[in-house]
């Protein structure tokens, strides 16, 4: 007989965010149902709302998780490196991140869903912050401004605050 262990609310939040990454990556904010996320996470839909409040709050938490991962990976990649090594490391770190298509799809859906919502563009600000940190590591000069680095190494296109 199998005995199930009861998860804490924090553990369930992690499970829901993992499920949300998968579901939002497939269908974006508008096309994803909270029921699909709850089923994937193995919880009831009412419990999902108890954990996150609204679908928008869940999406923003998912988007923030993705953004935090990007910022951490880019920042970690350039630790202690100087100019050209840091530039190469940022590019390689993002290539590594590209191996997780769900994360990138949530990122792109986040940009699409963020229009007009003052809470949503946090990722853009965090990403610019990481790139600015990278700029401090690689120095200034042609091609080393944060906008160019975003375009070159992160390939985000038009990211707005």
Protein backbone atom coordinates (compact mmCIF):
# COMPACT_ATOMS: atom_id res chain seq x y z
CA UNK A 1 0.00 0.00 0.00
CA UNK A 2 1.37 3.39 -0.99
CA UNK A 3 1.27 6.16 1.58
CA UNK A 4 1.12 9.68 0.23
CA UNK A 5 2.98 12.43 1.99
CA UNK A 6 1.27 15.72 2.52
CA UNK A 7 2.95 18.71 0.86
CA UNK A 8 3.33 22.07 2.52
CA UNK A 9 1.85 25.16 0.88
CA UNK A 10 5.38 26.18 -0.17
CA UNK A 11 5.95 22.80 -1.84
CA UNK A 12 2.62 23.04 -3.61
CA UNK A 13 3.48 26.55 -4.81
CA UNK A 14 6.62 25.13 -6.39
CA UNK A 15 4.61 22.35 -8.04
CA UNK A 16 2.02 24.84 -9.31
CA UNK A 17 4.71 27.15 -10.73
CA UNK A 18 6.32 24.20 -12.50
CA UNK A 19 2.95 23.20 -13.97
CA UNK A 20 2.24 26.83 -14.88
CA UNK A 21 5.51 27.13 -16.81
CA UNK A 22 4.51 24.12 -18.92
CA UNK A 23 0.93 25.28 -19.49
CA UNK A 24 1.66 28.98 -20.09
CA UNK A 25 4.50 28.03 -22.44
CA UNK A 26 2.06 26.01 -24.57
CA UNK A 27 -0.82 28.44 -24.73
CA UNK A 28 0.16 31.83 -23.31
CA UNK A 29 -1.79 33.77 -20.71
CA UNK A 30 -5.13 33.99 -22.51
CA UNK A 31 -5.10 30.45 -23.88
CA UNK A 32 -4.23 28.69 -20.63
CA UNK A 33 -6.90 27.59 -18.18
CA UNK A 34 -6.26 27.51 -14.47
CA UNK A 35 -7.99 24.13 -14.49
CA UNK A 36 -5.25 22.71 -16.76
CA UNK A 37 -2.57 24.07 -14.42
CA UNK A 38 -4.34 22.66 -11.34
CA UNK A 39 -4.70 19.22 -12.96
CA UNK A 40 -1.02 19.19 -13.99
CA UNK A 41 -0.01 20.23 -10.44
CA UNK A 42 -2.30 17.61 -8.86
CA UNK A 43 -4.37 20.08 -6.87
CA UNK A 44 -7.88 21.48 -7.05
CA UNK A 45 -8.58 24.70 -8.88
CA UNK A 46 -9.90 26.38 -5.69
CA UNK A 47 -6.62 25.53 -3.94
CA UNK A 48 -4.69 27.05 -6.85
CA UNK A 49 -6.58 30.31 -6.25
CA UNK A 50 -5.91 30.06 -2.53
CA UNK A 51 -2.19 29.89 -3.29
CA UNK A 52 -2.04 32.62 -5.95
CA UNK A 53 -5.22 34.70 -5.74
CA UNK A 54 -5.85 35.23 -9.44
CA UNK A 55 -4.75 33.81 -12.75
CA UNK A 56 -2.89 37.07 -13.39
CA UNK A 57 -1.03 36.73 -10.07
CA UNK A 58 -0.07 33.17 -11.01
CA UNK A 59 1.13 34.29 -14.44
CA UNK A 60 3.20 37.10 -12.93
CA UNK A 61 4.73 34.69 -10.40
CA UNK A 62 5.57 32.31 -13.26
CA UNK A 63 7.01 35.14 -15.34
CA UNK A 64 9.04 36.37 -12.35
CA UNK A 65 10.44 32.87 -11.81
CA UNK A 66 11.58 32.74 -15.43
CA UNK A 67 13.04 36.24 -15.22
CA UNK A 68 14.89 35.46 -12.02
CA UNK A 69 16.45 32.41 -13.64
CA UNK A 70 17.63 34.45 -16.64
CA UNK A 71 19.11 37.18 -14.47
CA UNK A 72 20.88 34.66 -12.20
CA UNK A 73 22.34 32.73 -15.13
CA UNK A 74 23.60 35.84 -16.93
CA UNK A 75 25.02 37.33 -13.73
CA UNK A 76 26.68 34.07 -12.71
CA UNK A 77 28.20 33.67 -16.17
CA UNK A 78 30.15 36.92 -15.99
CA UNK A 79 31.39 36.68 -12.39
CA UNK A 80 35.06 37.60 -12.24
CA UNK A 81 35.51 37.82 -16.00
CA UNK A 82 36.91 40.74 -17.88
CA UNK A 83 35.69 42.43 -21.03
CA UNK A 84 35.72 39.97 -23.93
CA UNK A 85 35.39 36.89 -21.73
CA UNK A 86 32.31 38.38 -20.08
CA UNK A 87 30.74 39.17 -23.47
CA UNK A 88 31.32 35.60 -24.63
CA UNK A 89 30.09 34.18 -21.33
CA UNK A 90 26.82 36.12 -21.53
CA UNK A 91 26.22 34.80 -25.01
CA UNK A 92 27.00 31.23 -24.00
CA UNK A 93 24.83 31.50 -20.88
CA UNK A 94 21.88 32.57 -22.97
CA UNK A 95 22.52 29.80 -25.49
CA UNK A 96 22.40 27.40 -22.55
CA UNK A 97 19.10 28.94 -21.39
CA UNK A 98 17.70 28.46 -24.89
CA UNK A 99 17.86 24.71 -24.30
CA UNK A 100 14.75 25.10 -22.13
CA UNK A 101 12.07 26.01 -24.69
CA UNK A 102 9.29 26.28 -22.08
CA UNK A 103 11.20 28.96 -20.19
CA UNK A 104 11.74 30.96 -23.36
CA UNK A 105 8.12 30.55 -24.43
CA UNK A 106 6.90 31.87 -21.07
CA UNK A 107 9.33 34.77 -21.47
CA UNK A 108 7.91 35.64 -24.89
CA UNK A 109 4.29 35.17 -23.76
CA UNK A 110 5.12 37.45 -20.85
CA UNK A 111 6.17 40.25 -23.16
CA UNK A 112 2.96 39.83 -25.14
CA UNK A 113 0.76 39.76 -22.03
CA UNK A 114 2.55 42.64 -20.28
CA UNK A 115 1.11 45.39 -22.45
CA UNK A 116 -0.46 48.02 -20.22
CA UNK A 117 -0.01 46.16 -16.91
CA UNK A 118 2.23 48.09 -14.52
CA UNK A 119 3.15 44.92 -12.58
CA UNK A 120 4.26 42.82 -15.52
CA UNK A 121 7.40 44.43 -16.91
CA UNK A 122 9.56 43.43 -13.94
CA UNK A 123 11.45 40.97 -16.11
CA UNK A 124 12.46 43.74 -18.49
CA UNK A 125 13.83 45.83 -15.63
CA UNK A 126 15.61 42.84 -14.06
CA UNK A 127 17.06 41.85 -17.40
CA UNK A 128 18.28 45.37 -18.07
CA UNK A 129 19.79 45.37 -14.59
CA UNK A 130 21.68 42.14 -15.32
CA UNK A 131 22.88 43.49 -18.63
CA UNK A 132 23.95 46.75 -16.97
CA UNK A 133 25.87 44.65 -14.45
CA UNK A 134 27.41 42.86 -17.41
CA UNK A 135 28.29 46.18 -18.94
CA UNK A 136 30.13 47.07 -15.75
CA UNK A 137 32.08 43.85 -16.18
CA UNK A 138 32.82 44.27 -19.87
CA UNK A 139 33.38 48.03 -19.83
CA UNK A 140 32.03 50.69 -22.11
CA UNK A 141 32.59 51.28 -25.76
CA UNK A 142 30.93 50.60 -29.09
CA UNK A 143 28.47 47.74 -28.81
CA UNK A 144 28.62 47.50 -25.01
CA UNK A 145 25.53 49.50 -24.08
CA UNK A 146 22.69 47.60 -22.36
CA UNK A 147 20.32 47.96 -25.31
CA UNK A 148 22.84 46.46 -27.71
CA UNK A 149 23.72 43.65 -25.31
CA UNK A 150 20.04 42.78 -24.89
CA UNK A 151 19.67 42.67 -28.64
CA UNK A 152 22.88 40.74 -29.26
CA UNK A 153 23.00 38.19 -26.45
CA UNK A 154 19.43 37.92 -25.33
CA UNK A 155 17.69 38.53 -28.63
CA UNK A 156 14.61 40.08 -27.04
CA UNK A 157 13.70 42.58 -29.69
CA UNK A 158 11.73 45.52 -28.32
CA UNK A 159 11.64 45.20 -24.51
CA UNK A 160 9.86 48.07 -22.76
CA UNK A 161 9.45 49.18 -19.16
